[in-house]
Amino acid sequence: MRKTRRAISILLAVMLMVLTTACAAKDSSNESTKTLYYNGTIFTNDKSNPDAEAVVVADGKFAFVGAYEEALAFAGDKCNKVDLKGQFVTPGFFDAHVHIAGSAAMGPFDFRDYVPAINPTVDQYVSALKKYLEDNPDIKYVRGTGWQNAVFDVNGPTKEILDAVNSEIPIGIRSLDGHSLWANSKAIEQAGVTPETEVPRGEGSFVLNSKGEVSGTFREPAAMDLVLNSFPPVTVDEYKASILKTQKMLTSFGVTGALDALVPTDSPLYQAYRELASNNELKLHLAIAFQVTPDKYEEQIEWVAKEMAKYKDVPDQKITISTCKYFADGVLEGGTAYLKDDYASQPDYHGIAIWKNDELAKAFKLCDENGIRIHVHAIGDAAITMTLDCMEGLSTEHRNALAHVQLVDEKDFVRFKDMGIVAVVPPFWAFNSEETMGSDLRYLGDERADQVYPIKTFIDNGIATAAHSDYPVSPEFSPLIGLETAITRQRPASQTTDTTTLYQPLNINEAITAEQAIDVFTYQGAYANSMENITGTITVGKSADFAVIDNNILETPASLATVTATYYEGEKVFSK
């Protein structure tokens, strides 16, 4: 009996020892998963706790934000410690309108790989294409991007320029803004486009030369697709490679969230995103805006509604699907933005409205009834007013958005506020330059050209205002560049050289503060996509998304600073 009791005592002692060791190991493990970041300038963008000496990250979230001594006590002596060495910390940037897989859709050839972004010439474009063909002698076609409208006259580039380089294989190259296509004779012939060809739904046009022939310039997607649809389609694997390449670039600039602003419904691109999400390869808080077109909007919206329902109750989704993307008009530099007054370059011409008002209103109502957010490309003042007209009566809770909003009628600012519309603005373009002087002045004239990109007016009117790059449209991408131009309304210091013309600021009255600029590049982008409870500020409980920057961008030109590390959900996804 005594032996039995002794055996039981020994067994209990052993069990207690094992349990105690396990608990200690567990506690130690918990301590080791905490990481303390300190000795930096931490800008939280959280008005309730604007500054912090240190932050503690645990399980991919901010677990503590505040004073260093309190952070150290919270984290414990065994925590991981990261000395920020005086660097600046900001919430991860959120790009509220970007084309992550744009390079795949546009093709592997990019003029920007060969030609300077500032003051390119036709001869440089020709030399670049020759070099690309020499380096790729066996290719069967050229699909690419990167030329600037301002280099050519209002009729755009001609097929003859490309024919002189190569007339044996089809060549189709999109403009930098993505709204025009430059094609050679072989591509036009392969597509079967003639002067009598009609553009589907009248959404765009192609230019005829003085002989009445197709010149080689196609404006807007419906016209561009007449040619591009004759090229081999982009595969899922090509899209995946492009997504991962762009994601690597985005994270290297501190971006941890984004809206891909143009994904066709039920497409290889969407399939590519789904496969990457399943493999845990996406390192961004990603929202998707599915394309809606006038000819198929009913079936497209129905597809989006079903897809939203399919994933509604699936936890930990890496992709947010709640948005439909519309084009209200084209772009100013292509002569397709929809204006209230005549183009300065063309009397009695106002540009192109992509949709008819009644059809656009019906499509918006269908989205509203299905709880789908609306995201609209709207450049000209007429396009913006038309879009707001069609949004009358919709729910103010969905955070519908207008993107680009280049020229805005003064009376429409109040409507943005009253209707709960988010303004998605491009600070990257808000300065005078060779490119803007060559297009905005040409098409708008002095007075209207000085009114473009009214960022401060949106903010002053209490309108939610988020920043975007529209990459790959922006010649150089970095939120730090956009931050600086939003503050100065001048060419960023990083792009200023001895050969650069320095213009007066573009309507300095629209300049915003550094704090406001960080807000539109972080919290407001998250808010626009209903992710403000997940990311956008350095706040306890939110995803540990932040960028470490070598200079204090509240005090020095942001474009001269460098992101040295980016963290997404507490994981270091970039390190310089």
Protein backbone atom coordinates (compact mmCIF):
# COMPACT_ATOMS: atom_id res chain seq x y z
CA MET A 1 0.00 0.00 0.00
CA ARG A 2 2.84 2.36 0.95
CA LYS A 3 4.65 1.43 -2.28
CA THR A 4 1.49 2.23 -4.22
CA ARG A 5 1.09 5.63 -2.51
CA ARG A 6 4.78 6.37 -3.11
CA ALA A 7 4.46 5.44 -6.78
CA ILE A 8 1.44 7.71 -7.12
CA SER A 9 3.32 10.55 -5.38
CA ILE A 10 6.27 10.14 -7.72
CA LEU A 11 3.94 10.06 -10.73
CA LEU A 12 2.17 13.23 -9.59
CA ALA A 13 5.49 14.95 -9.00
CA VAL A 14 6.70 14.03 -12.46
CA MET A 15 3.43 15.21 -14.02
CA LEU A 16 3.64 18.49 -12.10
CA MET A 17 7.24 18.97 -13.21
CA VAL A 18 6.33 18.33 -16.87
CA LEU A 19 3.35 20.66 -16.63
CA THR A 20 5.42 23.38 -14.98
CA THR A 21 8.12 23.04 -17.62
CA ALA A 22 5.52 23.17 -20.40
CA CYS A 23 3.94 26.30 -18.92
CA ALA A 24 7.33 27.92 -18.53
CA ALA A 25 8.18 27.06 -22.12
CA LYS A 26 4.84 28.44 -23.22
CA ASP A 27 5.38 31.67 -21.26
CA SER A 28 8.88 31.97 -22.66
CA SER A 29 7.53 31.39 -26.13
CA ASN A 30 4.94 34.10 -25.63
CA GLU A 31 7.64 36.52 -24.49
CA SER A 32 9.87 35.68 -27.45
CA THR A 33 7.07 36.38 -29.92
CA LYS A 34 6.85 39.97 -28.69
CA THR A 35 9.07 42.41 -30.56
CA LEU A 36 9.87 45.86 -29.20
CA TYR A 37 10.71 48.67 -31.65
CA TYR A 38 12.30 51.72 -30.05
CA ASN A 39 14.68 54.68 -30.45
CA GLY A 40 12.91 56.19 -33.45
CA THR A 41 10.41 58.91 -34.35
CA ILE A 42 7.12 57.04 -34.50
CA PHE A 43 4.28 58.89 -36.23
CA THR A 44 1.18 56.84 -35.46
CA ASN A 45 -1.35 58.91 -37.45
CA ASP A 46 -3.70 58.07 -34.58
CA LYS A 47 -5.19 61.31 -33.23
CA SER A 48 -5.87 59.71 -29.85
CA ASN A 49 -2.20 58.71 -29.50
CA PRO A 50 -0.25 60.73 -32.09
CA ASP A 51 3.31 60.09 -30.94
CA ALA A 52 5.02 57.07 -29.43
CA GLU A 53 8.50 56.28 -28.14
CA ALA A 54 8.08 52.58 -28.82
CA VAL A 55 5.73 49.93 -30.14
CA VAL A 56 5.38 46.26 -29.32
CA VAL A 57 4.29 43.77 -31.99
CA ALA A 58 2.86 40.35 -31.15
CA ASP A 59 1.03 37.84 -33.34
CA GLY A 60 1.14 40.21 -36.31
CA LYS A 61 -0.60 43.09 -34.50
CA PHE A 62 0.36 46.19 -32.55
CA ALA A 63 0.12 45.04 -28.93
CA PHE A 64 1.40 48.23 -27.29
CA VAL A 65 2.00 51.80 -28.49
CA GLY A 66 3.41 54.40 -26.12
CA ALA A 67 6.30 55.25 -23.80
CA TYR A 68 9.51 53.19 -23.95
CA GLU A 69 9.65 52.13 -20.30
CA GLU A 70 6.02 51.02 -20.36
CA ALA A 71 6.58 49.20 -23.65
CA LEU A 72 9.61 47.38 -22.18
CA ALA A 73 7.63 46.36 -19.10
CA PHE A 74 4.80 45.13 -21.30
CA ALA A 75 7.09 43.16 -23.63
CA GLY A 76 9.21 41.58 -20.92
CA ASP A 77 12.96 41.16 -20.63
CA LYS A 78 13.05 38.24 -23.05
CA CYS A 79 11.34 40.05 -25.94
CA ASN A 80 13.04 40.68 -29.25
CA LYS A 81 14.34 44.24 -29.47
CA VAL A 82 14.80 46.29 -32.65
CA ASP A 83 16.73 49.55 -32.36
CA LEU A 84 15.32 51.94 -34.97
CA LYS A 85 18.49 54.06 -34.68
CA GLY A 86 16.66 57.36 -34.90
CA GLN A 87 14.73 56.56 -38.05
CA PHE A 88 11.18 57.65 -38.84
CA VAL A 89 8.26 55.21 -38.63
CA THR A 90 4.92 55.68 -40.35
CA PRO A 91 1.91 53.41 -40.87
CA GLY A 92 2.21 51.32 -44.01
CA PHE A 93 1.14 53.24 -47.09
CA PHE A 94 -2.13 52.36 -48.84
CA ASP A 95 -2.37 52.96 -52.60
CA ALA A 96 -6.08 53.55 -53.22
CA HIS A 97 -5.95 53.03 -57.02
CA VAL A 98 -3.18 51.03 -58.65
CA HIS A 99 -2.85 48.43 -61.40
CA ILE A 100 -0.73 45.75 -59.79
CA ALA A 101 -0.68 43.40 -62.78
CA GLY A 102 -0.66 46.22 -65.31
CA SER A 103 2.75 45.34 -66.68
CA ALA A 104 1.51 41.87 -67.67
CA ALA A 105 -1.54 43.25 -69.46
CA MET A 106 0.50 45.94 -71.17
CA GLY A 107 3.35 43.65 -72.12
CA PRO A 108 7.02 43.12 -71.39
CA PHE A 109 8.29 46.07 -73.47
CA ASP A 110 8.35 49.41 -71.65
CA PHE A 111 9.84 52.60 -73.09
CA ARG A 112 10.68 53.66 -69.52
CA ASP A 113 13.31 50.93 -69.36
CA TYR A 114 15.24 52.75 -72.09
CA VAL A 115 14.10 56.39 -72.23
CA PRO A 116 14.24 59.15 -69.55
CA ALA A 117 10.89 60.04 -68.01
CA ILE A 118 11.60 63.76 -68.43
CA ASN A 119 11.51 65.24 -71.95
CA PRO A 120 11.64 62.04 -74.03
CA THR A 121 11.81 62.37 -77.83
CA VAL A 122 10.44 60.41 -80.77
CA ASP A 123 14.00 59.49 -81.78
CA GLN A 124 14.58 58.02 -78.32
CA TYR A 125 11.41 55.94 -78.64
CA VAL A 126 12.59 54.65 -82.01
CA SER A 127 16.04 53.77 -80.66
CA ALA A 128 14.48 52.01 -77.66
CA LEU A 129 12.27 49.83 -79.82
CA LYS A 130 15.19 48.96 -82.10
CA LYS A 131 17.26 47.92 -79.10
CA TYR A 132 14.44 45.78 -77.72
CA LEU A 133 14.02 43.98 -81.05
CA GLU A 134 17.77 43.43 -81.34
CA ASP A 135 17.80 41.88 -77.86
CA ASN A 136 14.76 39.72 -78.67
CA PRO A 137 15.25 38.64 -82.29
CA ASP A 138 12.85 35.69 -82.16
CA ILE A 139 9.73 37.36 -80.78
CA LYS A 140 6.54 37.12 -82.84
CA TYR A 141 4.96 40.40 -81.69
CA VAL A 142 5.60 43.42 -79.44
CA ARG A 143 3.14 44.36 -76.73
CA GLY A 144 4.23 47.20 -74.47
CA THR A 145 3.68 50.57 -72.84
CA GLY A 146 5.32 53.82 -71.82
CA TRP A 147 5.01 56.55 -74.46
CA GLN A 148 3.82 60.03 -73.48
CA ASN A 149 1.08 61.89 -75.32
CA ALA A 150 2.83 65.23 -74.84
CA VAL A 151 5.64 64.09 -77.18
CA PHE A 152 3.22 64.09 -80.13
CA ASP A 153 0.61 66.47 -81.51
CA VAL A 154 -3.10 66.12 -80.74
CA ASN A 155 -3.48 63.36 -83.36
CA GLY A 156 -0.98 61.11 -81.62
CA PRO A 157 1.85 58.96 -83.05
CA THR A 158 1.63 57.32 -86.46
CA LYS A 159 2.04 53.77 -87.71
CA GLU A 160 4.76 54.87 -90.12
CA ILE A 161 7.17 55.57 -87.24
CA LEU A 162 6.81 51.98 -86.02
CA ASP A 163 6.81 50.55 -89.55
CA ALA A 164 10.23 52.09 -90.12
CA VAL A 165 11.51 50.01 -87.20
CA ASN A 166 9.69 46.79 -88.08
CA SER A 167 6.73 46.13 -90.36
CA GLU A 168 6.92 42.33 -90.30
CA ILE A 169 5.49 41.62 -86.82
CA PRO A 170 2.52 43.29 -85.09
CA ILE A 171 3.44 46.05 -82.63
CA GLY A 172 0.97 47.51 -80.13
CA ILE A 173 2.25 49.89 -77.43
CA ARG A 174 0.00 51.59 -74.87
CA SER A 175 0.56 55.16 -73.78
CA LEU A 176 1.82 55.83 -70.28
CA ASP A 177 -1.71 56.68 -69.09
CA GLY A 178 -3.07 53.43 -70.54
CA HIS A 179 -5.79 55.20 -72.53
CA SER A 180 -4.20 55.22 -76.00
CA LEU A 181 -2.54 52.62 -78.22
CA TRP A 182 0.16 53.10 -80.84
CA ALA A 183 0.05 50.37 -83.49
CA ASN A 184 2.01 49.57 -86.63
CA SER A 185 0.51 48.60 -89.97
CA LYS A 186 0.95 44.86 -89.34
CA ALA A 187 -1.04 45.03 -86.08
CA ILE A 188 -3.79 47.06 -87.74
CA GLU A 189 -3.92 44.61 -90.65
CA GLN A 190 -3.93 41.57 -88.32
CA ALA A 191 -6.86 43.07 -86.39
CA GLY A 192 -8.78 43.83 -89.59
CA VAL A 193 -9.34 47.47 -88.67
CA THR A 194 -10.30 49.74 -91.55
CA PRO A 195 -11.61 53.32 -91.70
CA GLU A 196 -15.13 51.84 -91.78
CA THR A 197 -14.67 49.76 -88.59
CA GLU A 198 -17.02 50.80 -85.79
CA VAL A 199 -15.77 51.08 -82.22
CA PRO A 200 -17.98 48.96 -79.93
CA ARG A 201 -20.60 51.10 -78.20
CA GLY A 202 -18.86 54.21 -79.53
CA GLU A 203 -16.54 54.15 -76.49
CA GLY A 204 -13.42 55.64 -77.99
CA SER A 205 -12.08 56.23 -81.45
CA PHE A 206 -9.15 55.73 -83.76
CA VAL A 207 -7.48 58.54 -85.67
CA LEU A 208 -7.54 58.82 -89.46
CA ASN A 209 -4.69 60.56 -91.27
CA SER A 210 -4.97 63.13 -94.07
CA LYS A 211 -5.40 60.29 -96.60
CA GLY A 212 -8.36 58.87 -94.69
CA GLU A 213 -6.33 55.85 -93.51
CA VAL A 214 -6.10 54.44 -89.99
CA SER A 215 -3.20 56.48 -88.60
CA GLY A 216 -1.98 54.16 -85.84
CA THR A 217 -3.42 55.91 -82.74
CA PHE A 218 -6.38 54.36 -80.93
CA ARG A 219 -8.11 56.18 -78.06
CA GLU A 220 -9.77 54.49 -75.06
CA PRO A 221 -10.08 50.75 -74.23
CA ALA A 222 -12.91 49.79 -76.58
CA ALA A 223 -10.97 51.16 -79.57
CA MET A 224 -7.63 49.84 -78.31
CA ASP A 225 -9.09 46.36 -77.89
CA LEU A 226 -9.87 46.25 -81.60
CA VAL A 227 -6.13 45.73 -82.01
CA LEU A 228 -5.09 44.17 -78.71
CA ASN A 229 -7.67 41.39 -78.90
CA SER A 230 -5.80 40.01 -81.91
CA PHE A 231 -2.68 39.49 -79.75
CA PRO A 232 -2.18 36.31 -77.69
CA PRO A 233 -3.99 36.57 -74.31
CA VAL A 234 -2.09 36.97 -71.04
CA THR A 235 -1.92 33.70 -69.09
CA VAL A 236 -2.54 33.09 -65.38
CA ASP A 237 1.16 32.40 -64.83
CA GLU A 238 2.14 35.65 -66.58
CA TYR A 239 -0.27 37.55 -64.35
CA LYS A 240 1.08 35.86 -61.23
CA ALA A 241 4.64 36.77 -62.16
CA SER A 242 3.60 40.37 -62.77
CA ILE A 243 1.68 40.59 -59.47
CA LEU A 244 4.64 39.30 -57.48
CA LYS A 245 7.05 41.62 -59.29
CA THR A 246 4.89 44.67 -58.60
CA GLN A 247 4.22 43.57 -55.02
CA LYS A 248 7.98 43.45 -54.45
CA MET A 249 8.27 47.01 -55.75
CA LEU A 250 5.31 48.23 -53.68
CA THR A 251 6.64 46.80 -50.43
CA SER A 252 10.09 48.28 -51.17
CA PHE A 253 8.40 51.69 -51.01
CA GLY A 254 6.53 51.00 -47.77
CA VAL A 255 3.18 50.04 -49.30
CA THR A 256 1.19 47.47 -47.31
CA GLY A 257 -2.29 47.98 -48.78
CA ALA A 258 -3.74 48.58 -52.23
CA LEU A 259 -6.81 48.59 -54.44
CA ASP A 260 -6.25 46.95 -57.81
CA ALA A 261 -8.52 49.25 -59.76
CA LEU A 262 -9.22 47.21 -62.88
CA VAL A 263 -9.78 43.45 -62.75
CA PRO A 264 -12.09 41.86 -65.34
CA THR A 265 -14.77 39.60 -63.86
CA ASP A 266 -14.08 35.86 -63.99
CA SER A 267 -10.67 36.47 -65.60
CA PRO A 268 -7.18 34.92 -65.61
CA LEU A 269 -6.05 37.92 -63.55
CA TYR A 270 -8.61 37.21 -60.84
CA GLN A 271 -7.66 33.52 -60.94
CA ALA A 272 -4.02 34.53 -60.48
CA TYR A 273 -4.90 36.53 -57.38
CA ARG A 274 -6.89 33.65 -55.94
CA GLU A 275 -4.02 31.20 -56.46
CA LEU A 276 -1.50 33.55 -54.84
CA ALA A 277 -3.85 34.10 -51.90
CA SER A 278 -4.28 30.35 -51.44
CA ASN A 279 -0.51 29.93 -51.35
CA ASN A 280 -0.12 32.81 -48.85
CA GLU A 281 2.03 34.74 -51.33
CA LEU A 282 0.14 38.03 -51.08
CA LYS A 283 1.85 40.45 -48.71
CA LEU A 284 -0.61 43.33 -49.06
CA HIS A 285 -4.05 44.16 -47.71
CA LEU A 286 -5.60 43.80 -51.15
CA ALA A 287 -8.93 45.07 -52.41
CA ILE A 288 -10.14 44.38 -55.95
CA ALA A 289 -12.34 46.54 -58.17
CA PHE A 290 -14.03 44.53 -60.91
CA GLN A 291 -14.55 46.18 -64.27
CA VAL A 292 -18.09 47.06 -65.35
CA THR A 293 -18.81 48.03 -68.97
CA PRO A 294 -21.94 49.51 -70.58
CA ASP A 295 -22.62 46.46 -72.73
CA LYS A 296 -22.44 43.80 -69.99
CA TYR A 297 -23.03 45.58 -66.70
CA GLU A 298 -25.98 43.49 -65.55
CA GLU A 299 -24.18 40.15 -65.81
CA GLN A 300 -20.93 41.64 -64.48
CA ILE A 301 -22.62 43.06 -61.36
CA GLU A 302 -24.49 39.80 -60.82
CA TRP A 303 -21.17 37.90 -60.98
CA VAL A 304 -19.56 40.23 -58.43
CA ALA A 305 -22.55 39.89 -56.07
CA LYS A 306 -22.31 36.08 -56.22
CA GLU A 307 -18.56 36.16 -55.66
CA MET A 308 -19.00 38.42 -52.62
CA ALA A 309 -21.59 36.03 -51.19
CA LYS A 310 -19.29 33.05 -51.80
CA TYR A 311 -16.55 34.49 -49.59
CA LYS A 312 -18.67 36.46 -47.13
CA ASP A 313 -18.27 34.03 -44.23
CA VAL A 314 -14.80 32.72 -45.08
CA PRO A 315 -12.39 33.88 -42.32
CA ASP A 316 -9.01 35.53 -42.86
CA GLN A 317 -9.54 36.41 -46.49
CA LYS A 318 -6.46 37.88 -48.14
CA ILE A 319 -8.59 39.55 -50.81
CA THR A 320 -11.43 42.03 -50.27
CA ILE A 321 -14.04 41.94 -53.03
CA SER A 322 -16.68 44.61 -52.66
CA THR A 323 -16.10 47.07 -55.50
CA CYS A 324 -17.06 47.64 -59.14
CA LYS A 325 -14.98 49.93 -61.37
CA TYR A 326 -16.47 52.28 -63.97
CA PHE A 327 -15.04 54.69 -66.54
CA ALA A 328 -17.03 57.92 -66.81
CA ASP A 329 -14.66 59.45 -69.37
CA GLY A 330 -11.15 59.18 -70.74
CA VAL A 331 -8.06 61.31 -70.16
CA LEU A 332 -7.18 64.91 -70.88
CA GLU A 333 -3.93 64.20 -72.74
CA GLY A 334 -5.78 61.89 -75.11
CA GLY A 335 -8.53 64.44 -75.73
CA THR A 336 -11.11 62.05 -74.23
CA ALA A 337 -11.75 63.60 -70.80
CA TYR A 338 -15.33 64.93 -70.65
CA LEU A 339 -15.36 68.72 -70.08
CA LYS A 340 -18.14 71.25 -69.54
CA ASP A 341 -16.44 73.87 -71.70
CA ASP A 342 -14.66 73.46 -75.01
CA TYR A 343 -11.16 72.05 -75.22
CA ALA A 344 -8.79 74.99 -75.67
CA SER A 345 -7.21 73.06 -78.53
CA GLN A 346 -10.49 72.22 -80.29
CA PRO A 347 -13.51 74.57 -80.34
CA ASP A 348 -16.95 72.95 -80.00
CA TYR A 349 -15.41 69.74 -78.63
CA HIS A 350 -16.00 68.56 -75.06
CA GLY A 351 -14.47 65.06 -75.01
CA ILE A 352 -16.17 61.69 -74.47
CA ALA A 353 -18.73 60.44 -71.98
CA ILE A 354 -18.28 56.66 -71.85
CA TRP A 355 -21.78 55.97 -70.50
CA LYS A 356 -25.25 57.27 -71.21
CA ASN A 357 -26.73 58.81 -68.07
CA ASP A 358 -29.71 56.49 -67.74
CA GLU A 359 -27.61 53.33 -68.16
CA LEU A 360 -25.01 54.56 -65.67
CA ALA A 361 -27.71 55.34 -63.11
CA LYS A 362 -29.21 51.84 -63.58
CA ALA A 363 -25.82 50.19 -63.12
CA PHE A 364 -25.12 52.24 -59.99
CA LYS A 365 -28.50 51.29 -58.54
CA LEU A 366 -27.81 47.59 -59.15
CA CYS A 367 -24.52 47.89 -57.27
CA ASP A 368 -26.20 49.78 -54.45
CA GLU A 369 -28.93 47.13 -54.09
CA ASN A 370 -26.28 44.42 -53.84
CA GLY A 371 -24.12 46.27 -51.33
CA ILE A 372 -21.32 46.77 -53.86
CA ARG A 373 -19.02 49.77 -53.58
CA ILE A 374 -18.71 51.96 -56.71
CA HIS A 375 -15.32 53.25 -57.88
CA VAL A 376 -15.38 55.60 -60.89
CA HIS A 377 -12.62 56.94 -63.12
CA ALA A 378 -13.69 60.58 -63.62
CA ILE A 379 -11.25 63.19 -64.97
CA GLY A 380 -13.20 66.10 -66.45
CA ASP A 381 -15.65 68.39 -64.66
CA ALA A 382 -18.54 67.23 -66.88
CA ALA A 383 -17.75 63.57 -66.14
CA ILE A 384 -17.65 64.28 -62.41
CA THR A 385 -20.98 66.12 -62.41
CA MET A 386 -22.59 63.41 -64.55
CA THR A 387 -21.33 60.70 -62.16
CA LEU A 388 -22.63 62.53 -59.11
CA ASP A 389 -26.00 63.02 -60.85
CA CYS A 390 -26.23 59.26 -61.40
CA MET A 391 -25.30 58.59 -57.77
CA GLU A 392 -28.16 60.65 -56.35
CA GLY A 393 -30.26 58.62 -53.93
CA LEU A 394 -27.67 55.88 -53.36
CA SER A 395 -26.63 54.79 -49.87
CA THR A 396 -24.03 57.04 -48.27
CA GLU A 397 -22.64 54.06 -46.31
CA HIS A 398 -20.85 52.25 -49.13
CA ARG A 399 -18.01 54.77 -49.48
CA ASN A 400 -18.40 55.10 -53.21
CA ALA A 401 -15.42 56.85 -54.77
CA LEU A 402 -14.40 59.01 -57.70
CA ALA A 403 -10.77 58.62 -58.77
CA HIS A 404 -8.41 61.12 -60.43
CA VAL A 405 -10.91 64.04 -60.17
CA GLN A 406 -8.62 66.35 -62.12
CA LEU A 407 -10.95 69.28 -62.85
CA VAL A 408 -13.88 69.78 -60.47
CA ASP A 409 -16.82 72.18 -60.70
CA GLU A 410 -16.87 74.28 -57.52
CA LYS A 411 -20.52 73.37 -56.84
CA ASP A 412 -19.70 69.65 -56.73
CA PHE A 413 -17.53 69.72 -53.58
CA VAL A 414 -20.62 70.03 -51.39
CA ARG A 415 -22.19 67.09 -53.22
CA PHE A 416 -19.15 64.90 -52.51
CA LYS A 417 -19.56 65.63 -48.81
CA ASP A 418 -23.35 65.24 -48.68
CA MET A 419 -23.30 61.97 -50.63
CA GLY A 420 -20.43 60.41 -48.66
CA ILE A 421 -18.24 60.12 -51.76
CA VAL A 422 -14.51 59.50 -51.31
CA ALA A 423 -12.14 61.57 -53.47
CA VAL A 424 -9.24 59.38 -54.64
CA VAL A 425 -6.58 61.88 -55.72
CA PRO A 426 -3.20 61.57 -57.50
CA PRO A 427 -0.64 63.81 -55.73
CA PHE A 428 2.01 62.35 -58.06
CA TRP A 429 0.68 64.51 -60.89
CA ALA A 430 -0.05 67.69 -58.93
CA PHE A 431 2.83 69.86 -60.11
CA ASN A 432 3.86 71.83 -63.18
CA SER A 433 6.25 69.94 -65.43
CA GLU A 434 7.21 69.50 -69.05
CA GLU A 435 4.57 66.76 -69.29
CA THR A 436 1.71 68.70 -67.69
CA MET A 437 2.62 71.96 -69.40
CA GLY A 438 2.51 70.04 -72.65
CA SER A 439 -0.98 68.62 -72.09
CA ASP A 440 -2.97 70.55 -69.49
CA LEU A 441 -2.18 73.94 -71.00
CA ARG A 442 -2.73 72.61 -74.51
CA TYR A 443 -6.18 71.25 -73.75
CA LEU A 444 -7.42 73.48 -70.91
CA GLY A 445 -5.73 76.85 -71.31
CA ASP A 446 -4.10 78.84 -68.50
CA GLU A 447 -7.06 79.42 -66.18
CA ARG A 448 -8.41 75.88 -66.01
CA ALA A 449 -4.94 74.30 -66.04
CA ASP A 450 -4.17 76.06 -62.74
CA GLN A 451 -7.25 74.54 -61.09
CA VAL A 452 -6.43 70.86 -61.49
CA TYR A 453 -6.08 68.36 -58.61
CA PRO A 454 -7.80 70.36 -55.84
CA ILE A 455 -6.61 68.15 -52.98
CA LYS A 456 -6.78 70.72 -50.17
CA THR A 457 -10.27 71.80 -51.19
CA PHE A 458 -11.50 68.24 -50.83
CA ILE A 459 -9.97 67.97 -47.35
CA ASP A 460 -11.18 71.43 -46.25
CA ASN A 461 -14.72 70.44 -47.24
CA GLY A 462 -14.59 67.44 -44.91
CA ILE A 463 -14.45 64.94 -47.79
CA ALA A 464 -12.63 61.65 -47.21
CA THR A 465 -9.56 62.01 -49.45
CA ALA A 466 -7.29 59.07 -50.30
CA ALA A 467 -4.12 59.09 -52.41
CA HIS A 468 -3.27 56.90 -55.37
CA SER A 469 -0.47 56.39 -57.88
CA ASP A 470 -2.36 54.75 -60.75
CA TYR A 471 0.84 52.76 -61.32
CA PRO A 472 2.10 51.96 -63.93
CA VAL A 473 0.76 55.27 -65.24
CA SER A 474 2.95 57.36 -62.91
CA PRO A 475 6.41 57.69 -64.50
CA GLU A 476 8.12 57.15 -61.15
CA PHE A 477 6.38 55.37 -58.31
CA SER A 478 6.97 55.99 -54.62
CA PRO A 479 4.54 57.31 -52.00
CA LEU A 480 7.43 59.49 -50.81
CA ILE A 481 7.32 61.33 -54.15
CA GLY A 482 3.55 61.74 -53.92
CA LEU A 483 3.85 62.97 -50.33
CA GLU A 484 6.26 65.71 -51.34
CA THR A 485 4.29 66.93 -54.35
CA ALA A 486 1.13 67.06 -52.24
CA ILE A 487 3.01 69.34 -49.82
CA THR A 488 4.90 71.55 -52.30
CA ARG A 489 2.89 71.30 -55.57
CA GLN A 490 6.29 71.35 -57.31
CA ARG A 491 8.49 68.82 -59.03
CA PRO A 492 9.97 66.63 -56.27
CA ALA A 493 13.54 67.30 -55.23
CA SER A 494 14.57 63.77 -56.25
CA GLN A 495 13.66 64.53 -59.87
CA THR A 496 15.25 67.97 -60.04
CA THR A 497 18.45 68.25 -62.08
CA ASP A 498 20.46 71.01 -63.69
CA THR A 499 18.57 70.38 -66.94
CA THR A 500 15.13 70.40 -65.32
CA THR A 501 12.94 73.44 -65.81
CA LEU A 502 11.53 74.60 -62.48
CA TYR A 503 8.04 75.98 -62.90
CA GLN A 504 5.96 77.90 -60.41
CA PRO A 505 4.00 75.68 -58.01
CA LEU A 506 0.75 74.34 -59.43
CA ASN A 507 -1.90 76.32 -57.53
CA ILE A 508 -0.06 76.54 -54.21
CA ASN A 509 -3.42 77.13 -52.49
CA GLU A 510 -4.05 73.38 -52.88
CA ALA A 511 -0.89 72.39 -50.96
CA ILE A 512 -1.47 70.33 -47.82
CA THR A 513 0.59 69.73 -44.68
CA ALA A 514 2.99 66.83 -44.20
CA GLU A 515 0.67 65.33 -41.59
CA GLN A 516 -2.28 65.55 -43.96
CA ALA A 517 -0.21 64.00 -46.75
CA ILE A 518 0.70 61.00 -44.61
CA ASP A 519 -2.97 60.64 -43.65
CA VAL A 520 -4.20 60.52 -47.26
CA PHE A 521 -1.50 57.95 -48.05
CA THR A 522 -2.32 55.72 -45.06
CA TYR A 523 -5.56 55.88 -43.08
CA GLN A 524 -7.70 57.40 -45.83
CA GLY A 525 -6.77 54.68 -48.33
CA ALA A 526 -7.75 52.06 -45.77
CA TYR A 527 -10.97 53.97 -45.01
CA ALA A 528 -11.89 54.14 -48.71
CA ASN A 529 -11.84 50.33 -48.76
CA SER A 530 -13.47 49.76 -45.33
CA MET A 531 -10.19 48.55 -43.85
CA GLU A 532 -9.63 51.37 -41.35
CA ASN A 533 -10.22 48.97 -38.44
CA ILE A 534 -7.49 46.70 -39.80
CA THR A 535 -4.75 49.05 -40.98
CA GLY A 536 -3.90 52.71 -41.69
CA THR A 537 -2.68 53.81 -38.24
CA ILE A 538 -0.28 52.52 -35.62
CA THR A 539 -2.92 51.55 -33.08
CA VAL A 540 -3.17 48.71 -30.57
CA GLY A 541 -5.12 45.84 -32.10
CA LYS A 542 -4.48 46.78 -35.73
CA SER A 543 -2.30 44.83 -38.14
CA ALA A 544 1.37 45.64 -37.58
CA ASP A 545 1.88 47.36 -40.94
CA PHE A 546 4.55 50.05 -40.96
CA ALA A 547 7.42 51.54 -42.90
CA VAL A 548 10.80 52.55 -41.50
CA ILE A 549 12.30 55.59 -43.27
CA ASP A 550 15.81 56.98 -42.94
CA ASN A 551 14.77 60.66 -42.69
CA ASN A 552 11.99 62.47 -40.83
CA ILE A 553 9.57 63.21 -43.68
CA LEU A 554 7.68 65.69 -41.52
CA GLU A 555 10.72 67.96 -41.65
CA THR A 556 12.68 67.12 -44.83
CA PRO A 557 11.76 66.58 -48.52
CA ALA A 558 10.13 63.15 -48.57
CA SER A 559 11.40 62.25 -52.04
CA LEU A 560 14.99 62.40 -50.76
CA ALA A 561 14.22 59.88 -48.03
CA THR A 562 14.47 56.11 -48.40
CA VAL A 563 12.37 53.29 -47.01
CA THR A 564 14.76 50.96 -45.19
CA ALA A 565 12.24 48.35 -44.02
CA THR A 566 8.58 47.45 -44.51
CA TYR A 567 6.50 45.29 -42.19
CA TYR A 568 3.20 43.64 -43.12
CA GLU A 569 1.28 41.89 -40.33
CA GLY A 570 4.47 42.07 -38.28
CA GLU A 571 6.54 40.28 -40.93
CA LYS A 572 9.47 42.12 -42.48
CA VAL A 573 8.62 41.96 -46.18
CA PHE A 574 11.33 44.38 -47.31
CA SER A 575 14.74 45.35 -45.98
CA LYS A 576 17.30 47.61 -47.59
